[in-house]
Every structure is written in structure tokens, then in C-alpha cells.
Amino acid sequence: MYRAGNIRAIWLETQLPVKSSPVQVLISVPRKQWKRSVDRNFIKRLIREAYRTNKHNLYETLERQGKQLALALIFRGNHKPTLQNIEQNIKQILAHIEQDTTKPNSDDEKKRNWKTA
């Protein structure tokens, strides 16, 4: 889990039913905070657009490694965001996910160290 601004990201490395795409995305804006569906849909549209324009680096990294992710983006703010604000947060999240997927798994390192000892 990672949080950037008003957006919380949760991801899981898994095998997806669709083999052609490296990432499957869920976008959520809680009804409890945003009562009007017009506002929820507007925020989801902003998140979707920011993700669409900035996903290319993450896709390239995952395709090189042969990995797939399930990603949930959850908006947790009280004020209507701007596209620039959302885009900045999405860039931070995607960069963090990219770093997290490229570093070796700590469990794998422990197993390697145990075998060599």
C-alpha cells in the first residue's frame, strides 16, 4: 500500500485472466464522502485520464519482467481535486510501484542467503 496526496494505491502481483495487459486497475471514490454521483464520476474520470497518460513506464517495466499487477486506486479527499494535482499523485504512485516491482523480493533474498550459509 502507498499513499500520495489524496490517493491510496494497493497492488498485488498476480496472474490476470487477461494475458495481453500487464495491469488491471480499479478506481474507487467512496460514496460516504462524495454523495453526488456526478462528483464521484468526475473524480474517477480525472484519475482515469491521469493514469492513462502516465502508465507507459510501468507497463514497459512489467512487460520486461513478465509480471502482472492488480491495482486499486482509492480517492480519499474532501475537496474536489484538479487534474494537475491528481496527475502529480498518480506519477508518484506509479514511480513507487515501478521501484517496488524492480527490487528483489526480500523472501527470495532470505532463501538465497540461507542456501549459501
PDB file of N, CA and C in Angstrom:
ATOM      1  N   MET A   1       0.850  -1.177   0.000  1.00  0.00           N
ATOM      2  CA  MET A   1       0.000   0.000   0.000  1.00  0.00           C
ATOM      3  C   MET A   1       0.892   1.235   0.000  1.00  0.00           C
ATOM      4  N   TYR A   2       0.458   2.259  -0.720  1.00  0.00           N
ATOM      5  CA  TYR A   2       1.199   3.508  -0.814  1.00  0.00           C
ATOM      6  C   TYR A   2       0.189   4.637  -0.931  1.00  0.00           C
ATOM      7  N   ARG A   3       0.506   5.770  -0.333  1.00  0.00           N
ATOM      8  CA  ARG A   3      -0.402   6.911  -0.390  1.00  0.00           C
ATOM      9  C   ARG A   3       0.347   8.134  -0.912  1.00  0.00           C
ATOM     10  N   ALA A   4      -0.239   8.786  -1.896  1.00  0.00           N
ATOM     11  CA  ALA A   4       0.306  10.021  -2.444  1.00  0.00           C
ATOM     12  C   ALA A   4      -0.828  11.033  -2.490  1.00  0.00           C
ATOM     13  N   GLY A   5      -0.729  12.063  -1.692  1.00  0.00           N
ATOM     14  CA  GLY A   5      -1.797  13.066  -1.637  1.00  0.00           C
ATOM     15  C   GLY A   5      -3.079  12.438  -1.147  1.00  0.00           C
ATOM     16  N   ASN A   6      -4.126  12.564  -1.930  1.00  0.00           N
ATOM     17  CA  ASN A   6      -5.441  12.034  -1.570  1.00  0.00           C
ATOM     18  C   ASN A   6      -5.728  10.664  -2.174  1.00  0.00           C
ATOM     19  N   ILE A   7      -4.742  10.056  -2.817  1.00  0.00           N
ATOM     20  CA  ILE A   7      -4.971   8.779  -3.475  1.00  0.00           C
ATOM     21  C   ILE A   7      -4.183   7.681  -2.763  1.00  0.00           C
ATOM     22  N   ARG A   8      -4.869   6.606  -2.437  1.00  0.00           N
ATOM     23  CA  ARG A   8      -4.250   5.435  -1.832  1.00  0.00           C
ATOM     24  C   ARG A   8      -4.178   4.355  -2.904  1.00  0.00           C
ATOM     25  N   ALA A   9      -3.025   3.720  -3.013  1.00  0.00           N
ATOM     26  CA  ALA A   9      -2.834   2.662  -4.009  1.00  0.00           C
ATOM     27  C   ALA A   9      -2.533   1.353  -3.308  1.00  0.00           C
ATOM     28  N   ILE A  10      -3.221   0.316  -3.736  1.00  0.00           N
ATOM     29  CA  ILE A  10      -2.984  -1.030  -3.240  1.00  0.00           C
ATOM     30  C   ILE A  10      -2.780  -1.913  -4.470  1.00  0.00           C
ATOM     31  N   TRP A  11      -1.712  -2.713  -4.480  1.00  0.00           N
ATOM     32  CA  TRP A  11      -1.460  -3.561  -5.634  1.00  0.00           C
ATOM     33  C   TRP A  11      -1.006  -4.942  -5.188  1.00  0.00           C
ATOM     34  N   LEU A  12      -1.181  -5.871  -6.113  1.00  0.00           N
ATOM     35  CA  LEU A  12      -0.847  -7.260  -5.855  1.00  0.00           C
ATOM     36  C   LEU A  12      -0.304  -7.868  -7.140  1.00  0.00           C
ATOM     37  N   GLU A  13       0.870  -8.486  -7.048  1.00  0.00           N
ATOM     38  CA  GLU A  13       1.407  -9.202  -8.205  1.00  0.00           C
ATOM     39  C   GLU A  13       0.653 -10.514  -8.327  1.00  0.00           C
ATOM     40  N   THR A  14       0.027 -10.728  -9.465  1.00  0.00           N
ATOM     41  CA  THR A  14      -0.794 -11.915  -9.666  1.00  0.00           C
ATOM     42  C   THR A  14      -0.880 -12.236 -11.144  1.00  0.00           C
ATOM     43  N   GLN A  15      -1.362 -13.407 -11.466  1.00  0.00           N
ATOM     44  CA  GLN A  15      -1.654 -13.762 -12.846  1.00  0.00           C
ATOM     45  C   GLN A  15      -3.076 -13.307 -13.151  1.00  0.00           C
ATOM     46  N   LEU A  16      -3.214 -12.458 -14.132  1.00  0.00           N
ATOM     47  CA  LEU A  16      -4.522 -11.928 -14.512  1.00  0.00           C
ATOM     48  C   LEU A  16      -5.166 -12.815 -15.558  1.00  0.00           C
ATOM     49  N   PRO A  17      -6.505 -12.819 -15.618  1.00  0.00           N
ATOM     50  CA  PRO A  17      -7.173 -13.627 -16.641  1.00  0.00           C
ATOM     51  C   PRO A  17      -6.896 -13.121 -18.060  1.00  0.00           C
ATOM     52  N   VAL A  18      -6.586 -11.822 -18.195  1.00  0.00           N
ATOM     53  CA  VAL A  18      -6.269 -11.240 -19.499  1.00  0.00           C
ATOM     54  C   VAL A  18      -4.757 -11.209 -19.643  1.00  0.00           C
ATOM     55  N   LYS A  19      -4.227 -11.965 -20.593  1.00  0.00           N
ATOM     56  CA  LYS A  19      -2.774 -12.072 -20.759  1.00  0.00           C
ATOM     57  C   LYS A  19      -2.169 -10.889 -21.504  1.00  0.00           C
ATOM     58  N   SER A  20      -2.968 -10.120 -22.219  1.00  0.00           N
ATOM     59  CA  SER A  20      -2.429  -9.058 -23.061  1.00  0.00           C
ATOM     60  C   SER A  20      -2.081  -7.793 -22.280  1.00  0.00           C
ATOM     61  N   SER A  21      -2.637  -7.595 -21.102  1.00  0.00           N
ATOM     62  CA  SER A  21      -2.400  -6.374 -20.344  1.00  0.00           C
ATOM     63  C   SER A  21      -1.640  -6.683 -19.058  1.00  0.00           C
ATOM     64  N   PRO A  22      -0.584  -5.906 -18.753  1.00  0.00           N
ATOM     65  CA  PRO A  22       0.178  -6.176 -17.536  1.00  0.00           C
ATOM     66  C   PRO A  22      -0.478  -5.664 -16.255  1.00  0.00           C
ATOM     67  N   VAL A  23      -1.461  -4.758 -16.372  1.00  0.00           N
ATOM     68  CA  VAL A  23      -2.089  -4.186 -15.178  1.00  0.00           C
ATOM     69  C   VAL A  23      -3.603  -4.152 -15.349  1.00  0.00           C
ATOM     70  N   GLN A  24      -4.295  -4.513 -14.286  1.00  0.00           N
ATOM     71  CA  GLN A  24      -5.747  -4.372 -14.231  1.00  0.00           C
ATOM     72  C   GLN A  24      -6.037  -3.363 -13.119  1.00  0.00           C
ATOM     73  N   VAL A  25      -6.821  -2.325 -13.409  1.00  0.00           N
ATOM     74  CA  VAL A  25      -6.993  -1.203 -12.490  1.00  0.00           C
ATOM     75  C   VAL A  25      -8.431  -1.096 -12.007  1.00  0.00           C
ATOM     76  N   LEU A  26      -8.568  -0.800 -10.713  1.00  0.00           N
ATOM     77  CA  LEU A  26      -9.850  -0.494 -10.086  1.00  0.00           C
ATOM     78  C   LEU A  26      -9.744   0.927  -9.554  1.00  0.00           C
ATOM     79  N   ILE A  27     -10.718   1.762  -9.860  1.00  0.00           N
ATOM     80  CA  ILE A  27     -10.740   3.135  -9.364  1.00  0.00           C
ATOM     81  C   ILE A  27     -11.974   3.300  -8.499  1.00  0.00           C
ATOM     82  N   SER A  28     -11.760   3.788  -7.265  1.00  0.00           N
ATOM     83  CA  SER A  28     -12.854   3.906  -6.318  1.00  0.00           C
ATOM     84  C   SER A  28     -12.878   5.294  -5.686  1.00  0.00           C
ATOM     85  N   VAL A  29     -14.088   5.857  -5.618  1.00  0.00           N
ATOM     86  CA  VAL A  29     -14.320   7.111  -4.899  1.00  0.00           C
ATOM     87  C   VAL A  29     -15.474   6.826  -3.940  1.00  0.00           C
ATOM     88  N   PRO A  30     -15.215   6.861  -2.625  1.00  0.00           N
ATOM     89  CA  PRO A  30     -16.229   6.442  -1.651  1.00  0.00           C
ATOM     90  C   PRO A  30     -17.498   7.292  -1.680  1.00  0.00           C
ATOM     91  N   ARG A  31     -18.622   6.612  -1.658  1.00  0.00           N
ATOM     92  CA  ARG A  31     -19.921   7.272  -1.650  1.00  0.00           C
ATOM     93  C   ARG A  31     -20.169   7.986  -0.330  1.00  0.00           C
ATOM     94  N   LYS A  32     -19.542   7.503   0.715  1.00  0.00           N
ATOM     95  CA  LYS A  32     -19.724   8.109   2.030  1.00  0.00           C
ATOM     96  C   LYS A  32     -19.206   9.552   2.053  1.00  0.00           C
ATOM     97  N   GLN A  33     -18.104   9.806   1.343  1.00  0.00           N
ATOM     98  CA  GLN A  33     -17.539  11.150   1.301  1.00  0.00           C
ATOM     99  C   GLN A  33     -18.122  12.001   0.179  1.00  0.00           C
ATOM    100  N   TRP A  34     -18.441  11.378  -0.944  1.00  0.00           N
ATOM    101  CA  TRP A  34     -18.936  12.095  -2.111  1.00  0.00           C
ATOM    102  C   TRP A  34     -20.333  11.590  -2.439  1.00  0.00           C
ATOM    103  N   LYS A  35     -21.326  12.264  -1.907  1.00  0.00           N
ATOM    104  CA  LYS A  35     -22.724  11.815  -2.023  1.00  0.00           C
ATOM    105  C   LYS A  35     -23.244  11.867  -3.458  1.00  0.00           C
ATOM    106  N   ARG A  36     -22.868  12.900  -4.178  1.00  0.00           N
ATOM    107  CA  ARG A  36     -23.399  13.076  -5.535  1.00  0.00           C
ATOM    108  C   ARG A  36     -22.606  12.249  -6.539  1.00  0.00           C
ATOM    109  N   SER A  37     -23.312  11.471  -7.327  1.00  0.00           N
ATOM    110  CA  SER A  37     -22.652  10.610  -8.310  1.00  0.00           C
ATOM    111  C   SER A  37     -21.913  11.430  -9.372  1.00  0.00           C
ATOM    112  N   VAL A  38     -22.393  12.630  -9.623  1.00  0.00           N
ATOM    113  CA  VAL A  38     -21.728  13.495 -10.596  1.00  0.00           C
ATOM    114  C   VAL A  38     -20.313  13.804 -10.132  1.00  0.00           C
ATOM    115  N   ASP A  39     -20.158  14.091  -8.844  1.00  0.00           N
ATOM    116  CA  ASP A  39     -18.831  14.386  -8.296  1.00  0.00           C
ATOM    117  C   ASP A  39     -17.941  13.149  -8.302  1.00  0.00           C
ATOM    118  N   ARG A  40     -18.494  12.004  -7.922  1.00  0.00           N
ATOM    119  CA  ARG A  40     -17.716  10.762  -7.919  1.00  0.00           C
ATOM    120  C   ARG A  40     -17.234  10.425  -9.324  1.00  0.00           C
ATOM    121  N   ASN A  41     -18.116  10.536 -10.291  1.00  0.00           N
ATOM    122  CA  ASN A  41     -17.755  10.227 -11.680  1.00  0.00           C
ATOM    123  C   ASN A  41     -16.714  11.200 -12.220  1.00  0.00           C
ATOM    124  N   PHE A  42     -16.810  12.466 -11.828  1.00  0.00           N
ATOM    125  CA  PHE A  42     -15.837  13.472 -12.257  1.00  0.00           C
ATOM    126  C   PHE A  42     -14.444  13.121 -11.736  1.00  0.00           C
ATOM    127  N   ILE A  43     -14.366  12.762 -10.457  1.00  0.00           N
ATOM    128  CA  ILE A  43     -13.075  12.421  -9.854  1.00  0.00           C
ATOM    129  C   ILE A  43     -12.521  11.151 -10.491  1.00  0.00           C
ATOM    130  N   LYS A  44     -13.379  10.165 -10.732  1.00  0.00           N
ATOM    131  CA  LYS A  44     -12.929   8.935 -11.386  1.00  0.00           C
ATOM    132  C   LYS A  44     -12.405   9.227 -12.786  1.00  0.00           C
ATOM    133  N   ARG A  45     -13.063  10.129 -13.494  1.00  0.00           N
ATOM    134  CA  ARG A  45     -12.627  10.496 -14.835  1.00  0.00           C
ATOM    135  C   ARG A  45     -11.237  11.138 -14.797  1.00  0.00           C
ATOM    136  N   LEU A  46     -11.004  12.014 -13.790  1.00  0.00           N
ATOM    137  CA  LEU A  46      -9.691  12.646 -13.654  1.00  0.00           C
ATOM    138  C   LEU A  46      -8.607  11.607 -13.375  1.00  0.00           C
ATOM    139  N   ILE A  47      -8.890  10.670 -12.472  1.00  0.00           N
ATOM    140  CA  ILE A  47      -7.920   9.633 -12.134  1.00  0.00           C
ATOM    141  C   ILE A  47      -7.640   8.757 -13.344  1.00  0.00           C
ATOM    142  N   ARG A  48      -8.686   8.377 -14.068  1.00  0.00           N
ATOM    143  CA  ARG A  48      -8.535   7.534 -15.249  1.00  0.00           C
ATOM    144  C   ARG A  48      -7.657   8.217 -16.300  1.00  0.00           C
ATOM    145  N   GLU A  49      -7.876   9.505 -16.516  1.00  0.00           N
ATOM    146  CA  GLU A  49      -7.096  10.247 -17.508  1.00  0.00           C
ATOM    147  C   GLU A  49      -5.634  10.374 -17.079  1.00  0.00           C
ATOM    148  N   ALA A  50      -5.400  10.673 -15.810  1.00  0.00           N
ATOM    149  CA  ALA A  50      -4.024  10.800 -15.312  1.00  0.00           C
ATOM    150  C   ALA A  50      -3.301   9.460 -15.408  1.00  0.00           C
ATOM    151  N   TYR A  51      -3.979   8.372 -15.094  1.00  0.00           N
ATOM    152  CA  TYR A  51      -3.379   7.047 -15.194  1.00  0.00           C
ATOM    153  C   TYR A  51      -3.076   6.704 -16.654  1.00  0.00           C
ATOM    154  N   ARG A  52      -4.019   6.974 -17.534  1.00  0.00           N
ATOM    155  CA  ARG A  52      -3.863   6.642 -18.953  1.00  0.00           C
ATOM    156  C   ARG A  52      -2.640   7.333 -19.558  1.00  0.00           C
ATOM    157  N   THR A  53      -2.412   8.588 -19.182  1.00  0.00           N
ATOM    158  CA  THR A  53      -1.316   9.346 -19.790  1.00  0.00           C
ATOM    159  C   THR A  53       0.045   9.039 -19.163  1.00  0.00           C
ATOM    160  N   ASN A  54       0.077   8.380 -18.010  1.00  0.00           N
ATOM    161  CA  ASN A  54       1.349   8.155 -17.322  1.00  0.00           C
ATOM    162  C   ASN A  54       1.703   6.692 -17.099  1.00  0.00           C
ATOM    163  N   LYS A  55       0.961   5.753 -17.650  1.00  0.00           N
ATOM    164  CA  LYS A  55       1.160   4.337 -17.366  1.00  0.00           C
ATOM    165  C   LYS A  55       2.270   3.681 -18.172  1.00  0.00           C
ATOM    166  N   HIS A  56       2.767   4.318 -19.212  1.00  0.00           N
ATOM    167  CA  HIS A  56       3.669   3.673 -20.155  1.00  0.00           C
ATOM    168  C   HIS A  56       4.955   3.136 -19.512  1.00  0.00           C
ATOM    169  N   ASN A  57       5.572   3.876 -18.573  1.00  0.00           N
ATOM    170  CA  ASN A  57       6.817   3.394 -17.945  1.00  0.00           C
ATOM    171  C   ASN A  57       6.569   2.134 -17.121  1.00  0.00           C
ATOM    172  N   LEU A  58       5.481   2.117 -16.374  1.00  0.00           N
ATOM    173  CA  LEU A  58       5.145   0.945 -15.570  1.00  0.00           C
ATOM    174  C   LEU A  58       4.874  -0.264 -16.463  1.00  0.00           C
ATOM    175  N   TYR A  59       4.145  -0.052 -17.552  1.00  0.00           N
ATOM    176  CA  TYR A  59       3.848  -1.147 -18.486  1.00  0.00           C
ATOM    177  C   TYR A  59       5.133  -1.741 -19.058  1.00  0.00           C
ATOM    178  N   GLU A  60       6.068  -0.878 -19.476  1.00  0.00           N
ATOM    179  CA  GLU A  60       7.326  -1.358 -20.052  1.00  0.00           C
ATOM    180  C   GLU A  60       8.114  -2.181 -19.041  1.00  0.00           C
ATOM    181  N   THR A  61       8.175  -1.711 -17.802  1.00  0.00           N
ATOM    182  CA  THR A  61       8.904  -2.423 -16.752  1.00  0.00           C
ATOM    183  C   THR A  61       8.284  -3.786 -16.485  1.00  0.00           C
ATOM    184  N   LEU A  62       6.961  -3.829 -16.356  1.00  0.00           N
ATOM    185  CA  LEU A  62       6.287  -5.094 -16.060  1.00  0.00           C
ATOM    186  C   LEU A  62       6.399  -6.082 -17.218  1.00  0.00           C
ATOM    187  N   GLU A  63       6.301  -5.597 -18.450  1.00  0.00           N
ATOM    188  CA  GLU A  63       6.416  -6.483 -19.606  1.00  0.00           C
ATOM    189  C   GLU A  63       7.815  -7.071 -19.719  1.00  0.00           C
ATOM    190  N   ARG A  64       8.850  -6.259 -19.394  1.00  0.00           N
ATOM    191  CA  ARG A  64      10.225  -6.757 -19.412  1.00  0.00           C
ATOM    192  C   ARG A  64      10.414  -7.887 -18.391  1.00  0.00           C
ATOM    193  N   GLN A  65       9.773  -7.729 -17.229  1.00  0.00           N
ATOM    194  CA  GLN A  65       9.922  -8.717 -16.162  1.00  0.00           C
ATOM    195  C   GLN A  65       8.923  -9.860 -16.269  1.00  0.00           C
ATOM    196  N   GLY A  66       7.944  -9.732 -17.141  1.00  0.00           N
ATOM    197  CA  GLY A  66       6.937 -10.766 -17.292  1.00  0.00           C
ATOM    198  C   GLY A  66       5.970 -10.841 -16.114  1.00  0.00           C
ATOM    199  N   LYS A  67       5.728  -9.715 -15.472  1.00  0.00           N
ATOM    200  CA  LYS A  67       4.839  -9.671 -14.308  1.00  0.00           C
ATOM    201  C   LYS A  67       3.510  -9.034 -14.671  1.00  0.00           C
ATOM    202  N   GLN A  68       2.500  -9.301 -13.846  1.00  0.00           N
ATOM    203  CA  GLN A  68       1.194  -8.664 -13.978  1.00  0.00           C
ATOM    204  C   GLN A  68       0.745  -8.192 -12.602  1.00  0.00           C
ATOM    205  N   LEU A  69       0.000  -7.075 -12.584  1.00  0.00           N
ATOM    206  CA  LEU A  69      -0.465  -6.480 -11.334  1.00  0.00           C
ATOM    207  C   LEU A  69      -1.963  -6.261 -11.352  1.00  0.00           C
ATOM    208  N   ALA A  70      -2.560  -6.387 -10.175  1.00  0.00           N
ATOM    209  CA  ALA A  70      -3.916  -5.896  -9.943  1.00  0.00           C
ATOM    210  C   ALA A  70      -3.735  -4.646  -9.086  1.00  0.00           C
ATOM    211  N   LEU A  71      -4.244  -3.515  -9.537  1.00  0.00           N
ATOM    212  CA  LEU A  71      -4.013  -2.228  -8.887  1.00  0.00           C
ATOM    213  C   LEU A  71      -5.340  -1.571  -8.530  1.00  0.00           C
ATOM    214  N   ALA A  72      -5.453  -1.105  -7.278  1.00  0.00           N
ATOM    215  CA  ALA A  72      -6.635  -0.362  -6.830  1.00  0.00           C
ATOM    216  C   ALA A  72      -6.200   1.050  -6.482  1.00  0.00           C
ATOM    217  N   LEU A  73      -6.879   2.042  -7.052  1.00  0.00           N
ATOM    218  CA  LEU A  73      -6.639   3.450  -6.746  1.00  0.00           C
ATOM    219  C   LEU A  73      -7.881   3.986  -6.036  1.00  0.00           C
ATOM    220  N   ILE A  74      -7.713   4.438  -4.797  1.00  0.00           N
ATOM    221  CA  ILE A  74      -8.835   4.883  -3.983  1.00  0.00           C
ATOM    222  C   ILE A  74      -8.628   6.348  -3.625  1.00  0.00           C
ATOM    223  N   PHE A  75      -9.594   7.191  -3.987  1.00  0.00           N
ATOM    224  CA  PHE A  75      -9.521   8.615  -3.682  1.00  0.00           C
ATOM    225  C   PHE A  75     -10.073   8.858  -2.287  1.00  0.00           C
ATOM    226  N   ARG A  76      -9.273   9.517  -1.439  1.00  0.00           N
ATOM    227  CA  ARG A  76      -9.686   9.777  -0.066  1.00  0.00           C
ATOM    228  C   ARG A  76      -9.496  11.259   0.260  1.00  0.00           C
ATOM    229  N   GLY A  77     -10.232  12.133  -0.394  1.00  0.00           N
ATOM    230  CA  GLY A  77     -10.115  13.556  -0.144  1.00  0.00           C
ATOM    231  C   GLY A  77     -11.463  14.189   0.115  1.00  0.00           C
ATOM    232  N   ASN A  78     -11.431  15.394   0.666  1.00  0.00           N
ATOM    233  CA  ASN A  78     -12.668  16.112   0.981  1.00  0.00           C
ATOM    234  C   ASN A  78     -12.973  17.231  -0.009  1.00  0.00           C
ATOM    235  N   HIS A  79     -11.989  17.633  -0.797  1.00  0.00           N
ATOM    236  CA  HIS A  79     -12.164  18.729  -1.743  1.00  0.00           C
ATOM    237  C   HIS A  79     -12.007  18.223  -3.161  1.00  0.00           C
ATOM    238  N   LYS A  80     -12.713  18.859  -4.081  1.00  0.00           N
ATOM    239  CA  LYS A  80     -12.617  18.475  -5.492  1.00  0.00           C
ATOM    240  C   LYS A  80     -11.205  18.746  -5.994  1.00  0.00           C
ATOM    241  N   PRO A  81     -10.549  17.722  -6.532  1.00  0.00           N
ATOM    242  CA  PRO A  81      -9.167  17.899  -6.993  1.00  0.00           C
ATOM    243  C   PRO A  81      -9.114  18.474  -8.406  1.00  0.00           C
ATOM    244  N   THR A  82      -7.932  18.938  -8.773  1.00  0.00           N
ATOM    245  CA  THR A  82      -7.686  19.379 -10.145  1.00  0.00           C
ATOM    246  C   THR A  82      -6.935  18.267 -10.872  1.00  0.00           C
ATOM    247  N   LEU A  83      -6.931  18.314 -12.182  1.00  0.00           N
ATOM    248  CA  LEU A  83      -6.230  17.309 -12.967  1.00  0.00           C
ATOM    249  C   LEU A  83      -4.732  17.336 -12.672  1.00  0.00           C
ATOM    250  N   GLN A  84      -4.160  18.512 -12.500  1.00  0.00           N
ATOM    251  CA  GLN A  84      -2.723  18.615 -12.218  1.00  0.00           C
ATOM    252  C   GLN A  84      -2.377  17.951 -10.882  1.00  0.00           C
ATOM    253  N   ASN A  85      -3.221  18.157  -9.878  1.00  0.00           N
ATOM    254  CA  ASN A  85      -2.999  17.566  -8.562  1.00  0.00           C
ATOM    255  C   ASN A  85      -3.077  16.039  -8.648  1.00  0.00           C
ATOM    256  N   ILE A  86      -4.116  15.542  -9.302  1.00  0.00           N
ATOM    257  CA  ILE A  86      -4.290  14.089  -9.463  1.00  0.00           C
ATOM    258  C   ILE A  86      -3.129  13.508 -10.266  1.00  0.00           C
ATOM    259  N   GLU A  87      -2.742  14.185 -11.327  1.00  0.00           N
ATOM    260  CA  GLU A  87      -1.665  13.677 -12.178  1.00  0.00           C
ATOM    261  C   GLU A  87      -0.348  13.582 -11.419  1.00  0.00           C
ATOM    262  N   GLN A  88      -0.063  14.568 -10.588  1.00  0.00           N
ATOM    263  CA  GLN A  88       1.145  14.547  -9.770  1.00  0.00           C
ATOM    264  C   GLN A  88       1.124  13.345  -8.812  1.00  0.00           C
ATOM    265  N   ASN A  89      -0.011  13.105  -8.181  1.00  0.00           N
ATOM    266  CA  ASN A  89      -0.131  11.976  -7.257  1.00  0.00           C
ATOM    267  C   ASN A  89      -0.003  10.635  -7.988  1.00  0.00           C
ATOM    268  N   ILE A  90      -0.622  10.524  -9.146  1.00  0.00           N
ATOM    269  CA  ILE A  90      -0.553   9.280  -9.925  1.00  0.00           C
ATOM    270  C   ILE A  90       0.884   9.007 -10.367  1.00  0.00           C
ATOM    271  N   LYS A  91       1.610  10.043 -10.776  1.00  0.00           N
ATOM    272  CA  LYS A  91       3.012   9.865 -11.168  1.00  0.00           C
ATOM    273  C   LYS A  91       3.836   9.318 -10.002  1.00  0.00           C
ATOM    274  N   GLN A  92       3.609   9.859  -8.804  1.00  0.00           N
ATOM    275  CA  GLN A  92       4.326   9.374  -7.621  1.00  0.00           C
ATOM    276  C   GLN A  92       3.999   7.914  -7.349  1.00  0.00           C
ATOM    277  N   ILE A  93       2.723   7.578  -7.431  1.00  0.00           N
ATOM    278  CA  ILE A  93       2.285   6.208  -7.169  1.00  0.00           C
ATOM    279  C   ILE A  93       2.896   5.244  -8.179  1.00  0.00           C
ATOM    280  N   LEU A  94       2.818   5.575  -9.461  1.00  0.00           N
ATOM    281  CA  LEU A  94       3.345   4.683 -10.494  1.00  0.00           C
ATOM    282  C   LEU A  94       4.855   4.518 -10.376  1.00  0.00           C
ATOM    283  N   ALA A  95       5.563   5.600 -10.024  1.00  0.00           N
ATOM    284  CA  ALA A  95       7.011   5.500  -9.826  1.00  0.00           C
ATOM    285  C   ALA A  95       7.322   4.600  -8.634  1.00  0.00           C
ATOM    286  N   HIS A  96       6.548   4.709  -7.571  1.00  0.00           N
ATOM    287  CA  HIS A  96       6.764   3.870  -6.396  1.00  0.00           C
ATOM    288  C   HIS A  96       6.496   2.396  -6.714  1.00  0.00           C
ATOM    289  N   ILE A  97       5.426   2.130  -7.445  1.00  0.00           N
ATOM    290  CA  ILE A  97       5.111   0.750  -7.825  1.00  0.00           C
ATOM    291  C   ILE A  97       6.210   0.182  -8.713  1.00  0.00           C
ATOM    292  N   GLU A  98       6.702   1.000  -9.635  1.00  0.00           N
ATOM    293  CA  GLU A  98       7.766   0.554 -10.534  1.00  0.00           C
ATOM    294  C   GLU A  98       9.029   0.193  -9.740  1.00  0.00           C
ATOM    295  N   GLN A  99       9.389   1.015  -8.767  1.00  0.00           N
ATOM    296  CA  GLN A  99      10.543   0.716  -7.921  1.00  0.00           C
ATOM    297  C   GLN A  99      10.307  -0.545  -7.104  1.00  0.00           C
ATOM    298  N   ASP A 100       9.100  -0.704  -6.586  1.00  0.00           N
ATOM    299  CA  ASP A 100       8.776  -1.846  -5.744  1.00  0.00           C
ATOM    300  C   ASP A 100       8.827  -3.154  -6.534  1.00  0.00           C
ATOM    301  N   THR A 101       8.407  -3.122  -7.782  1.00  0.00           N
ATOM    302  CA  THR A 101       8.410  -4.353  -8.578  1.00  0.00           C
ATOM    303  C   THR A 101       9.798  -4.694  -9.108  1.00  0.00           C
ATOM    304  N   THR A 102      10.689  -3.711  -9.217  1.00  0.00           N
ATOM    305  CA  THR A 102      12.032  -3.996  -9.734  1.00  0.00           C
ATOM    306  C   THR A 102      12.983  -4.476  -8.650  1.00  0.00           C
ATOM    307  N   LYS A 103      12.748  -4.126  -7.396  1.00  0.00           N
ATOM    308  CA  LYS A 103      13.660  -4.591  -6.346  1.00  0.00           C
ATOM    309  C   LYS A 103      13.405  -6.071  -6.068  1.00  0.00           C
ATOM    310  N   PRO A 104      14.456  -6.795  -5.707  1.00  0.00           N
ATOM    311  CA  PRO A 104      14.272  -8.222  -5.449  1.00  0.00           C
ATOM    312  C   PRO A 104      13.413  -8.439  -4.207  1.00  0.00           C
ATOM    313  N   ASN A 105      12.657  -9.499  -4.226  1.00  0.00           N
ATOM    314  CA  ASN A 105      11.780  -9.842  -3.117  1.00  0.00           C
ATOM    315  C   ASN A 105      12.626 -10.226  -1.908  1.00  0.00           C
ATOM    316  N   SER A 106      12.301  -9.696  -0.739  1.00  0.00           N
ATOM    317  CA  SER A 106      13.093  -9.962   0.464  1.00  0.00           C
ATOM    318  C   SER A 106      13.050 -11.447   0.832  1.00  0.00           C
ATOM    319  N   ASP A 107      11.940 -12.133   0.559  1.00  0.00           N
ATOM    320  CA  ASP A 107      11.854 -13.566   0.842  1.00  0.00           C
ATOM    321  C   ASP A 107      12.829 -14.350  -0.033  1.00  0.00           C
ATOM    322  N   ASP A 108      12.953 -13.939  -1.303  1.00  0.00           N
ATOM    323  CA  ASP A 108      13.885 -14.607  -2.202  1.00  0.00           C
ATOM    324  C   ASP A 108      15.327 -14.422  -1.718  1.00  0.00           C
ATOM    325  N   GLU A 109      15.643 -13.208  -1.232  1.00  0.00           N
ATOM    326  CA  GLU A 109      16.988 -12.952  -0.724  1.00  0.00           C
ATOM    327  C   GLU A 109      17.272 -13.800   0.509  1.00  0.00           C
ATOM    328  N   LYS A 110      16.302 -13.915   1.394  1.00  0.00           N
ATOM    329  CA  LYS A 110      16.484 -14.719   2.602  1.00  0.00           C
ATOM    330  C   LYS A 110      16.749 -16.173   2.222  1.00  0.00           C
ATOM    331  N   LYS A 111      16.008 -16.680   1.233  1.00  0.00           N
ATOM    332  CA  LYS A 111      16.204 -18.062   0.795  1.00  0.00           C
ATOM    333  C   LYS A 111      17.594 -18.248   0.204  1.00  0.00           C
ATOM    334  N   ARG A 112      18.051 -17.287  -0.609  1.00  0.00           N
ATOM    335  CA  ARG A 112      19.380 -17.373  -1.216  1.00  0.00           C
ATOM    336  C   ARG A 112      20.460 -17.355  -0.145  1.00  0.00           C
ATOM    337  N   ASN A 113      20.315 -16.424   0.825  1.00  0.00           N
ATOM    338  CA  ASN A 113      21.301 -16.324   1.893  1.00  0.00           C
ATOM    339  C   ASN A 113      21.325 -17.586   2.744  1.00  0.00           C
ATOM    340  N   TRP A 114      20.196 -18.198   2.967  1.00  0.00           N
ATOM    341  CA  TRP A 114      20.122 -19.407   3.767  1.00  0.00           C
ATOM    342  C   TRP A 114      20.808 -20.567   3.057  1.00  0.00           C
ATOM    343  N   LYS A 115      20.621 -20.636   1.730  1.00  0.00           N
ATOM    344  CA  LYS A 115      21.228 -21.731   0.974  1.00  0.00           C
ATOM    345  C   LYS A 115      22.747 -21.610   0.926  1.00  0.00           C
ATOM    346  N   THR A 116      23.263 -20.388   0.873  1.00  0.00           N
ATOM    347  CA  THR A 116      24.713 -20.193   0.771  1.00  0.00           C
ATOM    348  C   THR A 116      25.404 -20.337   2.120  1.00  0.00           C
ATOM    349  N   ALA A 117      24.674 -20.196   3.198  1.00  0.00           N
ATOM    350  CA  ALA A 117      25.283 -20.262   4.535  1.00  0.00           C
ATOM    351  C   ALA A 117      25.547 -21.678   4.972  1.00  0.00           C
TER     352      ALA A 117
END
